[in-house]
Amino acid sequence: MVNQYETVFIMTPVLSEDQIKETVNKFKDYLTKKGAEIVFEDNWGMRKLAYPVQKKSTGFYYLLEFNAEGNIIRNFEVAFKRDEKILRFLTVKLDKHAVIYNEKKRKKAKEEKKVEA
């Protein structure tokens, strides 16, 4: 059964712009090769961490929202654990209310961009 998931991961702050893109593409490619459909992605940029992780106080945050079979999540998370560029990650299965909320939030953001332009 296909479910909607949201993954936020934090990359180490010492990466170059190219290394960040390469890392994000690696995980996006993993999902698409396993039959997942990426619904939304957002680069949150560098942010301060709530507490030091591996002696780092900042990190590059990235969000992926995708539809996928539940059985690929375990291996997807193992890929995060094996990558030394990843400080932390969290994958959450979205219920129907969260999916509706995210769609409304994106629609509102699009409308606000139109008004600004």
PDB file of N, CA and C in Angstrom:
ATOM      1  N   MET A   1       0.835  -1.182   0.000  1.00  0.00           N
ATOM      2  CA  MET A   1       0.000   0.000   0.000  1.00  0.00           C
ATOM      3  C   MET A   1       0.886   1.254   0.000  1.00  0.00           C
ATOM      4  N   VAL A   2       0.500   2.219  -0.792  1.00  0.00           N
ATOM      5  CA  VAL A   2       1.283   3.450  -0.902  1.00  0.00           C
ATOM      6  C   VAL A   2       0.832   4.436   0.176  1.00  0.00           C
ATOM      7  N   ASN A   3       1.794   4.958   0.903  1.00  0.00           N
ATOM      8  CA  ASN A   3       1.557   5.960   1.942  1.00  0.00           C
ATOM      9  C   ASN A   3       2.346   7.218   1.608  1.00  0.00           C
ATOM     10  N   GLN A   4       1.969   8.305   2.246  1.00  0.00           N
ATOM     11  CA  GLN A   4       2.728   9.543   2.068  1.00  0.00           C
ATOM     12  C   GLN A   4       3.632   9.743   3.273  1.00  0.00           C
ATOM     13  N   TYR A   5       4.898  10.058   3.004  1.00  0.00           N
ATOM     14  CA  TYR A   5       5.909  10.238   4.042  1.00  0.00           C
ATOM     15  C   TYR A   5       6.564  11.596   3.892  1.00  0.00           C
ATOM     16  N   GLU A   6       7.176  12.025   4.990  1.00  0.00           N
ATOM     17  CA  GLU A   6       7.934  13.268   5.013  1.00  0.00           C
ATOM     18  C   GLU A   6       9.249  12.961   5.728  1.00  0.00           C
ATOM     19  N   THR A   7      10.348  13.289   5.088  1.00  0.00           N
ATOM     20  CA  THR A   7      11.663  13.089   5.692  1.00  0.00           C
ATOM     21  C   THR A   7      12.390  14.417   5.755  1.00  0.00           C
ATOM     22  N   VAL A   8      12.890  14.741   6.936  1.00  0.00           N
ATOM     23  CA  VAL A   8      13.754  15.900   7.114  1.00  0.00           C
ATOM     24  C   VAL A   8      15.117  15.357   7.498  1.00  0.00           C
ATOM     25  N   PHE A   9      16.140  15.807   6.792  1.00  0.00           N
ATOM     26  CA  PHE A   9      17.493  15.381   7.167  1.00  0.00           C
ATOM     27  C   PHE A   9      18.411  16.581   7.262  1.00  0.00           C
ATOM     28  N   ILE A  10      19.419  16.433   8.123  1.00  0.00           N
ATOM     29  CA  ILE A  10      20.369  17.509   8.383  1.00  0.00           C
ATOM     30  C   ILE A  10      21.742  17.053   7.914  1.00  0.00           C
ATOM     31  N   MET A  11      22.341  17.850   7.036  1.00  0.00           N
ATOM     32  CA  MET A  11      23.677  17.548   6.514  1.00  0.00           C
ATOM     33  C   MET A  11      24.715  18.389   7.248  1.00  0.00           C
ATOM     34  N   THR A  12      25.911  17.866   7.314  1.00  0.00           N
ATOM     35  CA  THR A  12      27.004  18.546   8.005  1.00  0.00           C
ATOM     36  C   THR A  12      27.269  19.920   7.369  1.00  0.00           C
ATOM     37  N   PRO A  13      27.614  20.928   8.168  1.00  0.00           N
ATOM     38  CA  PRO A  13      27.773  22.291   7.651  1.00  0.00           C
ATOM     39  C   PRO A  13      29.050  22.520   6.839  1.00  0.00           C
ATOM     40  N   VAL A  14      29.937  21.568   6.766  1.00  0.00           N
ATOM     41  CA  VAL A  14      31.199  21.769   6.051  1.00  0.00           C
ATOM     42  C   VAL A  14      31.091  21.426   4.561  1.00  0.00           C
ATOM     43  N   LEU A  15      29.898  21.060   4.096  1.00  0.00           N
ATOM     44  CA  LEU A  15      29.719  20.678   2.695  1.00  0.00           C
ATOM     45  C   LEU A  15      29.658  21.901   1.782  1.00  0.00           C
ATOM     46  N   SER A  16      30.161  21.731   0.566  1.00  0.00           N
ATOM     47  CA  SER A  16      30.030  22.783  -0.452  1.00  0.00           C
ATOM     48  C   SER A  16      28.634  22.691  -1.064  1.00  0.00           C
ATOM     49  N   GLU A  17      28.272  23.682  -1.837  1.00  0.00           N
ATOM     50  CA  GLU A  17      26.960  23.698  -2.504  1.00  0.00           C
ATOM     51  C   GLU A  17      26.795  22.472  -3.409  1.00  0.00           C
ATOM     52  N   ASP A  18      27.858  22.113  -4.130  1.00  0.00           N
ATOM     53  CA  ASP A  18      27.806  20.942  -5.017  1.00  0.00           C
ATOM     54  C   ASP A  18      27.631  19.650  -4.225  1.00  0.00           C
ATOM     55  N   GLN A  19      28.307  19.538  -3.090  1.00  0.00           N
ATOM     56  CA  GLN A  19      28.184  18.337  -2.266  1.00  0.00           C
ATOM     57  C   GLN A  19      26.779  18.210  -1.681  1.00  0.00           C
ATOM     58  N   ILE A  20      26.167  19.334  -1.347  1.00  0.00           N
ATOM     59  CA  ILE A  20      24.791  19.314  -0.836  1.00  0.00           C
ATOM     60  C   ILE A  20      23.854  18.809  -1.921  1.00  0.00           C
ATOM     61  N   LYS A  21      23.971  19.373  -3.131  1.00  0.00           N
ATOM     62  CA  LYS A  21      23.117  18.941  -4.243  1.00  0.00           C
ATOM     63  C   LYS A  21      23.320  17.463  -4.548  1.00  0.00           C
ATOM     64  N   GLU A  22      24.566  17.024  -4.525  1.00  0.00           N
ATOM     65  CA  GLU A  22      24.894  15.622  -4.788  1.00  0.00           C
ATOM     66  C   GLU A  22      24.249  14.704  -3.752  1.00  0.00           C
ATOM     67  N   THR A  23      24.307  15.091  -2.483  1.00  0.00           N
ATOM     68  CA  THR A  23      23.737  14.291  -1.405  1.00  0.00           C
ATOM     69  C   THR A  23      22.214  14.229  -1.528  1.00  0.00           C
ATOM     70  N   VAL A  24      21.580  15.361  -1.784  1.00  0.00           N
ATOM     71  CA  VAL A  24      20.123  15.394  -1.938  1.00  0.00           C
ATOM     72  C   VAL A  24      19.709  14.536  -3.127  1.00  0.00           C
ATOM     73  N   ASN A  25      20.414  14.676  -4.247  1.00  0.00           N
ATOM     74  CA  ASN A  25      20.082  13.894  -5.441  1.00  0.00           C
ATOM     75  C   ASN A  25      20.257  12.398  -5.207  1.00  0.00           C
ATOM     76  N   LYS A  26      21.234  12.029  -4.401  1.00  0.00           N
ATOM     77  CA  LYS A  26      21.463  10.621  -4.076  1.00  0.00           C
ATOM     78  C   LYS A  26      20.210  10.017  -3.427  1.00  0.00           C
ATOM     79  N   PHE A  27      19.634  10.732  -2.464  1.00  0.00           N
ATOM     80  CA  PHE A  27      18.463  10.212  -1.762  1.00  0.00           C
ATOM     81  C   PHE A  27      17.200  10.310  -2.609  1.00  0.00           C
ATOM     82  N   LYS A  28      17.078  11.359  -3.427  1.00  0.00           N
ATOM     83  CA  LYS A  28      15.946  11.451  -4.341  1.00  0.00           C
ATOM     84  C   LYS A  28      15.994  10.323  -5.367  1.00  0.00           C
ATOM     85  N   ASP A  29      17.188  10.046  -5.905  1.00  0.00           N
ATOM     86  CA  ASP A  29      17.346   8.953  -6.868  1.00  0.00           C
ATOM     87  C   ASP A  29      17.004   7.614  -6.239  1.00  0.00           C
ATOM     88  N   TYR A  30      17.419   7.409  -4.993  1.00  0.00           N
ATOM     89  CA  TYR A  30      17.105   6.170  -4.294  1.00  0.00           C
ATOM     90  C   TYR A  30      15.590   5.961  -4.258  1.00  0.00           C
ATOM     91  N   LEU A  31      14.860   7.010  -3.895  1.00  0.00           N
ATOM     92  CA  LEU A  31      13.407   6.908  -3.807  1.00  0.00           C
ATOM     93  C   LEU A  31      12.770   6.624  -5.158  1.00  0.00           C
ATOM     94  N   THR A  32      13.164   7.374  -6.179  1.00  0.00           N
ATOM     95  CA  THR A  32      12.540   7.201  -7.488  1.00  0.00           C
ATOM     96  C   THR A  32      12.860   5.841  -8.096  1.00  0.00           C
ATOM     97  N   LYS A  33      14.050   5.318  -7.850  1.00  0.00           N
ATOM     98  CA  LYS A  33      14.401   3.985  -8.356  1.00  0.00           C
ATOM     99  C   LYS A  33      13.578   2.894  -7.683  1.00  0.00           C
ATOM    100  N   LYS A  34      13.137   3.145  -6.460  1.00  0.00           N
ATOM    101  CA  LYS A  34      12.313   2.175  -5.733  1.00  0.00           C
ATOM    102  C   LYS A  34      10.825   2.377  -6.000  1.00  0.00           C
ATOM    103  N   GLY A  35      10.498   3.278  -6.926  1.00  0.00           N
ATOM    104  CA  GLY A  35       9.101   3.477  -7.306  1.00  0.00           C
ATOM    105  C   GLY A  35       8.361   4.554  -6.537  1.00  0.00           C
ATOM    106  N   ALA A  36       9.058   5.327  -5.740  1.00  0.00           N
ATOM    107  CA  ALA A  36       8.418   6.404  -4.975  1.00  0.00           C
ATOM    108  C   ALA A  36       8.207   7.625  -5.858  1.00  0.00           C
ATOM    109  N   GLU A  37       7.217   8.405  -5.511  1.00  0.00           N
ATOM    110  CA  GLU A  37       6.937   9.653  -6.230  1.00  0.00           C
ATOM    111  C   GLU A  37       7.190  10.810  -5.279  1.00  0.00           C
ATOM    112  N   ILE A  38       8.094  11.704  -5.658  1.00  0.00           N
ATOM    113  CA  ILE A  38       8.409  12.858  -4.815  1.00  0.00           C
ATOM    114  C   ILE A  38       7.337  13.919  -5.044  1.00  0.00           C
ATOM    115  N   VAL A  39       6.640  14.266  -3.960  1.00  0.00           N
ATOM    116  CA  VAL A  39       5.529  15.201  -4.018  1.00  0.00           C
ATOM    117  C   VAL A  39       6.026  16.634  -3.861  1.00  0.00           C
ATOM    118  N   PHE A  40       6.979  16.815  -2.931  1.00  0.00           N
ATOM    119  CA  PHE A  40       7.451  18.163  -2.615  1.00  0.00           C
ATOM    120  C   PHE A  40       8.835  18.063  -2.004  1.00  0.00           C
ATOM    121  N   GLU A  41       9.651  19.060  -2.261  1.00  0.00           N
ATOM    122  CA  GLU A  41      10.963  19.143  -1.627  1.00  0.00           C
ATOM    123  C   GLU A  41      11.238  20.592  -1.296  1.00  0.00           C
ATOM    124  N   ASP A  42      11.985  20.802  -0.228  1.00  0.00           N
ATOM    125  CA  ASP A  42      12.262  22.167   0.210  1.00  0.00           C
ATOM    126  C   ASP A  42      13.628  22.217   0.881  1.00  0.00           C
ATOM    127  N   ASN A  43      14.454  23.142   0.428  1.00  0.00           N
ATOM    128  CA  ASN A  43      15.755  23.372   1.031  1.00  0.00           C
ATOM    129  C   ASN A  43      15.579  24.444   2.099  1.00  0.00           C
ATOM    130  N   TRP A  44      15.737  24.067   3.369  1.00  0.00           N
ATOM    131  CA  TRP A  44      15.572  25.010   4.457  1.00  0.00           C
ATOM    132  C   TRP A  44      16.843  25.786   4.733  1.00  0.00           C
ATOM    133  N   GLY A  45      17.941  25.406   4.124  1.00  0.00           N
ATOM    134  CA  GLY A  45      19.196  26.119   4.293  1.00  0.00           C
ATOM    135  C   GLY A  45      19.899  25.779   5.600  1.00  0.00           C
ATOM    136  N   MET A  46      20.922  26.579   5.927  1.00  0.00           N
ATOM    137  CA  MET A  46      21.687  26.342   7.144  1.00  0.00           C
ATOM    138  C   MET A  46      20.940  26.929   8.339  1.00  0.00           C
ATOM    139  N   ARG A  47      20.847  26.102   9.375  1.00  0.00           N
ATOM    140  CA  ARG A  47      20.175  26.526  10.598  1.00  0.00           C
ATOM    141  C   ARG A  47      20.982  26.077  11.808  1.00  0.00           C
ATOM    142  N   LYS A  48      20.755  26.763  12.899  1.00  0.00           N
ATOM    143  CA  LYS A  48      21.410  26.404  14.154  1.00  0.00           C
ATOM    144  C   LYS A  48      20.705  25.184  14.735  1.00  0.00           C
ATOM    145  N   LEU A  49      21.491  24.239  15.227  1.00  0.00           N
ATOM    146  CA  LEU A  49      20.941  23.044  15.857  1.00  0.00           C
ATOM    147  C   LEU A  49      20.542  23.353  17.301  1.00  0.00           C
ATOM    148  N   ALA A  50      19.570  22.631  17.819  1.00  0.00           N
ATOM    149  CA  ALA A  50      19.122  22.831  19.199  1.00  0.00           C
ATOM    150  C   ALA A  50      20.208  22.431  20.187  1.00  0.00           C
ATOM    151  N   TYR A  51      21.017  21.461  19.795  1.00  0.00           N
ATOM    152  CA  TYR A  51      22.134  21.003  20.632  1.00  0.00           C
ATOM    153  C   TYR A  51      23.227  20.486  19.703  1.00  0.00           C
ATOM    154  N   PRO A  52      24.478  20.501  20.134  1.00  0.00           N
ATOM    155  CA  PRO A  52      25.566  20.047  19.261  1.00  0.00           C
ATOM    156  C   PRO A  52      25.411  18.569  18.876  1.00  0.00           C
ATOM    157  N   VAL A  53      25.669  18.289  17.600  1.00  0.00           N
ATOM    158  CA  VAL A  53      25.651  16.926  17.083  1.00  0.00           C
ATOM    159  C   VAL A  53      26.996  16.700  16.408  1.00  0.00           C
ATOM    160  N   GLN A  54      27.734  15.720  16.851  1.00  0.00           N
ATOM    161  CA  GLN A  54      29.071  15.435  16.332  1.00  0.00           C
ATOM    162  C   GLN A  54      29.938  16.701  16.343  1.00  0.00           C
ATOM    163  N   LYS A  55      29.839  17.453  17.437  1.00  0.00           N
ATOM    164  CA  LYS A  55      30.588  18.699  17.655  1.00  0.00           C
ATOM    165  C   LYS A  55      30.258  19.796  16.640  1.00  0.00           C
ATOM    166  N   LYS A  56      29.106  19.699  15.987  1.00  0.00           N
ATOM    167  CA  LYS A  56      28.647  20.720  15.037  1.00  0.00           C
ATOM    168  C   LYS A  56      27.463  21.447  15.662  1.00  0.00           C
ATOM    169  N   SER A  57      27.386  22.770  15.484  1.00  0.00           N
ATOM    170  CA  SER A  57      26.275  23.533  16.053  1.00  0.00           C
ATOM    171  C   SER A  57      25.304  24.028  14.983  1.00  0.00           C
ATOM    172  N   THR A  58      25.647  23.818  13.690  1.00  0.00           N
ATOM    173  CA  THR A  58      24.755  24.181  12.589  1.00  0.00           C
ATOM    174  C   THR A  58      24.703  23.028  11.599  1.00  0.00           C
ATOM    175  N   GLY A  59      23.737  23.099  10.693  1.00  0.00           N
ATOM    176  CA  GLY A  59      23.624  22.073   9.664  1.00  0.00           C
ATOM    177  C   GLY A  59      22.701  22.534   8.551  1.00  0.00           C
ATOM    178  N   PHE A  60      22.804  21.896   7.396  1.00  0.00           N
ATOM    179  CA  PHE A  60      21.932  22.179   6.250  1.00  0.00           C
ATOM    180  C   PHE A  60      20.711  21.274   6.340  1.00  0.00           C
ATOM    181  N   TYR A  61      19.529  21.878   6.439  1.00  0.00           N
ATOM    182  CA  TYR A  61      18.280  21.136   6.555  1.00  0.00           C
ATOM    183  C   TYR A  61      17.640  20.973   5.179  1.00  0.00           C
ATOM    184  N   TYR A  62      17.044  19.793   4.950  1.00  0.00           N
ATOM    185  CA  TYR A  62      16.353  19.530   3.687  1.00  0.00           C
ATOM    186  C   TYR A  62      15.137  18.672   3.962  1.00  0.00           C
ATOM    187  N   LEU A  63      14.016  18.979   3.288  1.00  0.00           N
ATOM    188  CA  LEU A  63      12.769  18.245   3.465  1.00  0.00           C
ATOM    189  C   LEU A  63      12.381  17.555   2.163  1.00  0.00           C
ATOM    190  N   LEU A  64      11.998  16.291   2.250  1.00  0.00           N
ATOM    191  CA  LEU A  64      11.444  15.544   1.118  1.00  0.00           C
ATOM    192  C   LEU A  64      10.086  14.997   1.537  1.00  0.00           C
ATOM    193  N   GLU A  65       9.068  15.245   0.720  1.00  0.00           N
ATOM    194  CA  GLU A  65       7.748  14.657   0.934  1.00  0.00           C
ATOM    195  C   GLU A  65       7.489  13.748  -0.259  1.00  0.00           C
ATOM    196  N   PHE A  66       7.108  12.497   0.013  1.00  0.00           N
ATOM    197  CA  PHE A  66       6.991  11.532  -1.081  1.00  0.00           C
ATOM    198  C   PHE A  66       5.940  10.469  -0.791  1.00  0.00           C
ATOM    199  N   ASN A  67       5.443   9.852  -1.870  1.00  0.00           N
ATOM    200  CA  ASN A  67       4.541   8.704  -1.791  1.00  0.00           C
ATOM    201  C   ASN A  67       5.367   7.466  -2.069  1.00  0.00           C
ATOM    202  N   ALA A  68       5.247   6.452  -1.211  1.00  0.00           N
ATOM    203  CA  ALA A  68       6.038   5.240  -1.389  1.00  0.00           C
ATOM    204  C   ALA A  68       5.395   4.061  -0.673  1.00  0.00           C
ATOM    205  N   GLU A  69       5.829   2.876  -1.063  1.00  0.00           N
ATOM    206  CA  GLU A  69       5.455   1.661  -0.351  1.00  0.00           C
ATOM    207  C   GLU A  69       6.165   1.678   1.003  1.00  0.00           C
ATOM    208  N   GLY A  70       5.527   1.163   2.020  1.00  0.00           N
ATOM    209  CA  GLY A  70       6.094   1.168   3.361  1.00  0.00           C
ATOM    210  C   GLY A  70       7.356   0.343   3.504  1.00  0.00           C
ATOM    211  N   ASN A  71       7.514  -0.669   2.643  1.00  0.00           N
ATOM    212  CA  ASN A  71       8.663  -1.573   2.792  1.00  0.00           C
ATOM    213  C   ASN A  71       9.992  -0.966   2.360  1.00  0.00           C
ATOM    214  N   ILE A  72      10.005   0.184   1.695  1.00  0.00           N
ATOM    215  CA  ILE A  72      11.290   0.777   1.290  1.00  0.00           C
ATOM    216  C   ILE A  72      11.877   1.713   2.354  1.00  0.00           C
ATOM    217  N   ILE A  73      11.078   2.055   3.350  1.00  0.00           N
ATOM    218  CA  ILE A  73      11.512   3.041   4.339  1.00  0.00           C
ATOM    219  C   ILE A  73      12.699   2.538   5.158  1.00  0.00           C
ATOM    220  N   ARG A  74      12.674   1.287   5.552  1.00  0.00           N
ATOM    221  CA  ARG A  74      13.766   0.750   6.381  1.00  0.00           C
ATOM    222  C   ARG A  74      15.110   0.892   5.667  1.00  0.00           C
ATOM    223  N   ASN A  75      15.181   0.475   4.405  1.00  0.00           N
ATOM    224  CA  ASN A  75      16.443   0.573   3.654  1.00  0.00           C
ATOM    225  C   ASN A  75      16.806   2.025   3.349  1.00  0.00           C
ATOM    226  N   PHE A  76      15.797   2.869   3.160  1.00  0.00           N
ATOM    227  CA  PHE A  76      16.025   4.294   2.943  1.00  0.00           C
ATOM    228  C   PHE A  76      16.720   4.894   4.166  1.00  0.00           C
ATOM    229  N   GLU A  77      16.261   4.544   5.354  1.00  0.00           N
ATOM    230  CA  GLU A  77      16.866   5.059   6.576  1.00  0.00           C
ATOM    231  C   GLU A  77      18.256   4.461   6.818  1.00  0.00           C
ATOM    232  N   VAL A  78      18.474   3.230   6.398  1.00  0.00           N
ATOM    233  CA  VAL A  78      19.812   2.637   6.511  1.00  0.00           C
ATOM    234  C   VAL A  78      20.795   3.426   5.647  1.00  0.00           C
ATOM    235  N   ALA A  79      20.344   3.878   4.478  1.00  0.00           N
ATOM    236  CA  ALA A  79      21.203   4.687   3.608  1.00  0.00           C
ATOM    237  C   ALA A  79      21.603   5.990   4.302  1.00  0.00           C
ATOM    238  N   PHE A  80      20.684   6.593   5.059  1.00  0.00           N
ATOM    239  CA  PHE A  80      21.021   7.798   5.829  1.00  0.00           C
ATOM    240  C   PHE A  80      22.076   7.490   6.887  1.00  0.00           C
ATOM    241  N   LYS A  81      21.913   6.372   7.585  1.00  0.00           N
ATOM    242  CA  LYS A  81      22.843   6.001   8.650  1.00  0.00           C
ATOM    243  C   LYS A  81      24.245   5.746   8.115  1.00  0.00           C
ATOM    244  N   ARG A  82      24.346   5.253   6.891  1.00  0.00           N
ATOM    245  CA  ARG A  82      25.646   4.921   6.306  1.00  0.00           C
ATOM    246  C   ARG A  82      26.369   6.123   5.710  1.00  0.00           C
ATOM    247  N   ASP A  83      25.671   7.212   5.505  1.00  0.00           N
ATOM    248  CA  ASP A  83      26.259   8.394   4.864  1.00  0.00           C
ATOM    249  C   ASP A  83      26.844   9.321   5.932  1.00  0.00           C
ATOM    250  N   GLU A  84      28.154   9.551   5.893  1.00  0.00           N
ATOM    251  CA  GLU A  84      28.793  10.389   6.916  1.00  0.00           C
ATOM    252  C   GLU A  84      28.442  11.866   6.773  1.00  0.00           C
ATOM    253  N   LYS A  85      27.824  12.266   5.662  1.00  0.00           N
ATOM    254  CA  LYS A  85      27.427  13.664   5.475  1.00  0.00           C
ATOM    255  C   LYS A  85      26.142  13.996   6.231  1.00  0.00           C
ATOM    256  N   ILE A  86      25.417  12.976   6.690  1.00  0.00           N
ATOM    257  CA  ILE A  86      24.142  13.168   7.369  1.00  0.00           C
ATOM    258  C   ILE A  86      24.358  13.166   8.880  1.00  0.00           C
ATOM    259  N   LEU A  87      23.909  14.252   9.535  1.00  0.00           N
ATOM    260  CA  LEU A  87      24.001  14.340  10.988  1.00  0.00           C
ATOM    261  C   LEU A  87      22.798  13.674  11.656  1.00  0.00           C
ATOM    262  N   ARG A  88      21.598  14.003  11.173  1.00  0.00           N
ATOM    263  CA  ARG A  88      20.358  13.473  11.725  1.00  0.00           C
ATOM    264  C   ARG A  88      19.322  13.377  10.612  1.00  0.00           C
ATOM    265  N   PHE A  89      18.304  12.532  10.828  1.00  0.00           N
ATOM    266  CA  PHE A  89      17.194  12.431   9.895  1.00  0.00           C
ATOM    267  C   PHE A  89      15.962  11.964  10.652  1.00  0.00           C
ATOM    268  N   LEU A  90      14.796  12.245  10.103  1.00  0.00           N
ATOM    269  CA  LEU A  90      13.545  11.784  10.685  1.00  0.00           C
ATOM    270  C   LEU A  90      12.548  11.573   9.553  1.00  0.00           C
ATOM    271  N   THR A  91      11.972  10.381   9.494  1.00  0.00           N
ATOM    272  CA  THR A  91      10.936  10.066   8.510  1.00  0.00           C
ATOM    273  C   THR A  91       9.632   9.834   9.262  1.00  0.00           C
ATOM    274  N   VAL A  92       8.573  10.485   8.784  1.00  0.00           N
ATOM    275  CA  VAL A  92       7.270  10.392   9.422  1.00  0.00           C
ATOM    276  C   VAL A  92       6.234  10.013   8.369  1.00  0.00           C
ATOM    277  N   LYS A  93       5.376   9.052   8.718  1.00  0.00           N
ATOM    278  CA  LYS A  93       4.236   8.700   7.855  1.00  0.00           C
ATOM    279  C   LYS A  93       3.141   9.727   8.113  1.00  0.00           C
ATOM    280  N   LEU A  94       2.654  10.366   7.056  1.00  0.00           N
ATOM    281  CA  LEU A  94       1.638  11.402   7.198  1.00  0.00           C
ATOM    282  C   LEU A  94       0.245  10.789   7.153  1.00  0.00           C
ATOM    283  N   ASP A  95      -0.620  11.200   8.081  1.00  0.00           N
ATOM    284  CA  ASP A  95      -2.006  10.767   8.014  1.00  0.00           C
ATOM    285  C   ASP A  95      -2.762  11.696   7.072  1.00  0.00           C
ATOM    286  N   LYS A  96      -4.041  11.406   6.826  1.00  0.00           N
ATOM    287  CA  LYS A  96      -4.789  12.194   5.838  1.00  0.00           C
ATOM    288  C   LYS A  96      -4.894  13.662   6.221  1.00  0.00           C
ATOM    289  N   HIS A  97      -4.922  13.957   7.513  1.00  0.00           N
ATOM    290  CA  HIS A  97      -5.020  15.351   7.954  1.00  0.00           C
ATOM    291  C   HIS A  97      -3.723  16.115   7.687  1.00  0.00           C
ATOM    292  N   ALA A  98      -2.602  15.452   7.891  1.00  0.00           N
ATOM    293  CA  ALA A  98      -1.307  16.083   7.625  1.00  0.00           C
ATOM    294  C   ALA A  98      -1.119  16.335   6.133  1.00  0.00           C
ATOM    295  N   VAL A  99      -1.583  15.404   5.296  1.00  0.00           N
ATOM    296  CA  VAL A  99      -1.473  15.574   3.843  1.00  0.00           C
ATOM    297  C   VAL A  99      -2.289  16.784   3.399  1.00  0.00           C
ATOM    298  N   ILE A 100      -3.510  16.900   3.901  1.00  0.00           N
ATOM    299  CA  ILE A 100      -4.371  18.037   3.558  1.00  0.00           C
ATOM    300  C   ILE A 100      -3.754  19.343   4.048  1.00  0.00           C
ATOM    301  N   TYR A 101      -3.221  19.339   5.266  1.00  0.00           N
ATOM    302  CA  TYR A 101      -2.581  20.534   5.823  1.00  0.00           C
ATOM    303  C   TYR A 101      -1.404  20.974   4.953  1.00  0.00           C
ATOM    304  N   ASN A 102      -0.542  20.027   4.552  1.00  0.00           N
ATOM    305  CA  ASN A 102       0.618  20.367   3.726  1.00  0.00           C
ATOM    306  C   ASN A 102       0.194  20.935   2.378  1.00  0.00           C
ATOM    307  N   GLU A 103      -0.855  20.363   1.775  1.00  0.00           N
ATOM    308  CA  GLU A 103      -1.343  20.876   0.493  1.00  0.00           C
ATOM    309  C   GLU A 103      -1.863  22.300   0.631  1.00  0.00           C
ATOM    310  N   LYS A 104      -2.620  22.564   1.696  1.00  0.00           N
ATOM    311  CA  LYS A 104      -3.130  23.919   1.930  1.00  0.00           C
ATOM    312  C   LYS A 104      -1.990  24.907   2.143  1.00  0.00           C
ATOM    313  N   LYS A 105      -0.981  24.476   2.915  1.00  0.00           N
ATOM    314  CA  LYS A 105       0.172  25.339   3.207  1.00  0.00           C
ATOM    315  C   LYS A 105       0.924  25.692   1.920  1.00  0.00           C
ATOM    316  N   ARG A 106       1.118  24.714   1.047  1.00  0.00           N
ATOM    317  CA  ARG A 106       1.809  24.981  -0.220  1.00  0.00           C
ATOM    318  C   ARG A 106       0.981  25.887  -1.121  1.00  0.00           C
ATOM    319  N   LYS A 107      -0.324  25.679  -1.163  1.00  0.00           N
ATOM    320  CA  LYS A 107      -1.208  26.506  -1.983  1.00  0.00           C
ATOM    321  C   LYS A 107      -1.176  27.954  -1.499  1.00  0.00           C
ATOM    322  N   LYS A 108      -1.202  28.133  -0.179  1.00  0.00           N
ATOM    323  CA  LYS A 108      -1.160  29.483   0.399  1.00  0.00           C
ATOM    324  C   LYS A 108       0.172  30.162   0.076  1.00  0.00           C
ATOM    325  N   ALA A 109       1.261  29.421   0.149  1.00  0.00           N
ATOM    326  CA  ALA A 109       2.586  29.982  -0.162  1.00  0.00           C
ATOM    327  C   ALA A 109       2.659  30.411  -1.622  1.00  0.00           C
ATOM    328  N   LYS A 110       2.069  29.615  -2.517  1.00  0.00           N
ATOM    329  CA  LYS A 110       2.058  29.980  -3.943  1.00  0.00           C
ATOM    330  C   LYS A 110       1.284  31.268  -4.158  1.00  0.00           C
ATOM    331  N   GLU A 111       0.131  31.387  -3.496  1.00  0.00           N
ATOM    332  CA  GLU A 111      -0.687  32.591  -3.640  1.00  0.00           C
ATOM    333  C   GLU A 111       0.048  33.821  -3.117  1.00  0.00           C
ATOM    334  N   GLU A 112       0.783  33.666  -2.029  1.00  0.00           N
ATOM    335  CA  GLU A 112       1.522  34.800  -1.465  1.00  0.00           C
ATOM    336  C   GLU A 112       2.648  35.224  -2.400  1.00  0.00           C
ATOM    337  N   LYS A 113       3.267  34.254  -3.090  1.00  0.00           N
ATOM    338  CA  LYS A 113       4.328  34.589  -4.051  1.00  0.00           C
ATOM    339  C   LYS A 113       3.759  35.364  -5.230  1.00  0.00           C
ATOM    340  N   LYS A 114       2.550  34.983  -5.675  1.00  0.00           N
ATOM    341  CA  LYS A 114       1.904  35.695  -6.786  1.00  0.00           C
ATOM    342  C   LYS A 114       1.616  37.132  -6.414  1.00  0.00           C
ATOM    343  N   VAL A 115       1.180  37.343  -5.187  1.00  0.00           N
ATOM    344  CA  VAL A 115       0.848  38.696  -4.708  1.00  0.00           C
ATOM    345  C   VAL A 115       2.114  39.549  -4.658  1.00  0.00           C
ATOM    346  N   GLU A 116       3.224  38.962  -4.208  1.00  0.00           N
ATOM    347  CA  GLU A 116       4.484  39.700  -4.110  1.00  0.00           C
ATOM    348  C   GLU A 116       5.019  40.080  -5.491  1.00  0.00           C
ATOM    349  N   ALA A 117       4.799  39.250  -6.478  1.00  0.00           N
ATOM    350  CA  ALA A 117       5.301  39.499  -7.838  1.00  0.00           C
ATOM    351  C   ALA A 117       4.435  40.489  -8.525  1.00  0.00           C
TER     352      ALA A 117
END
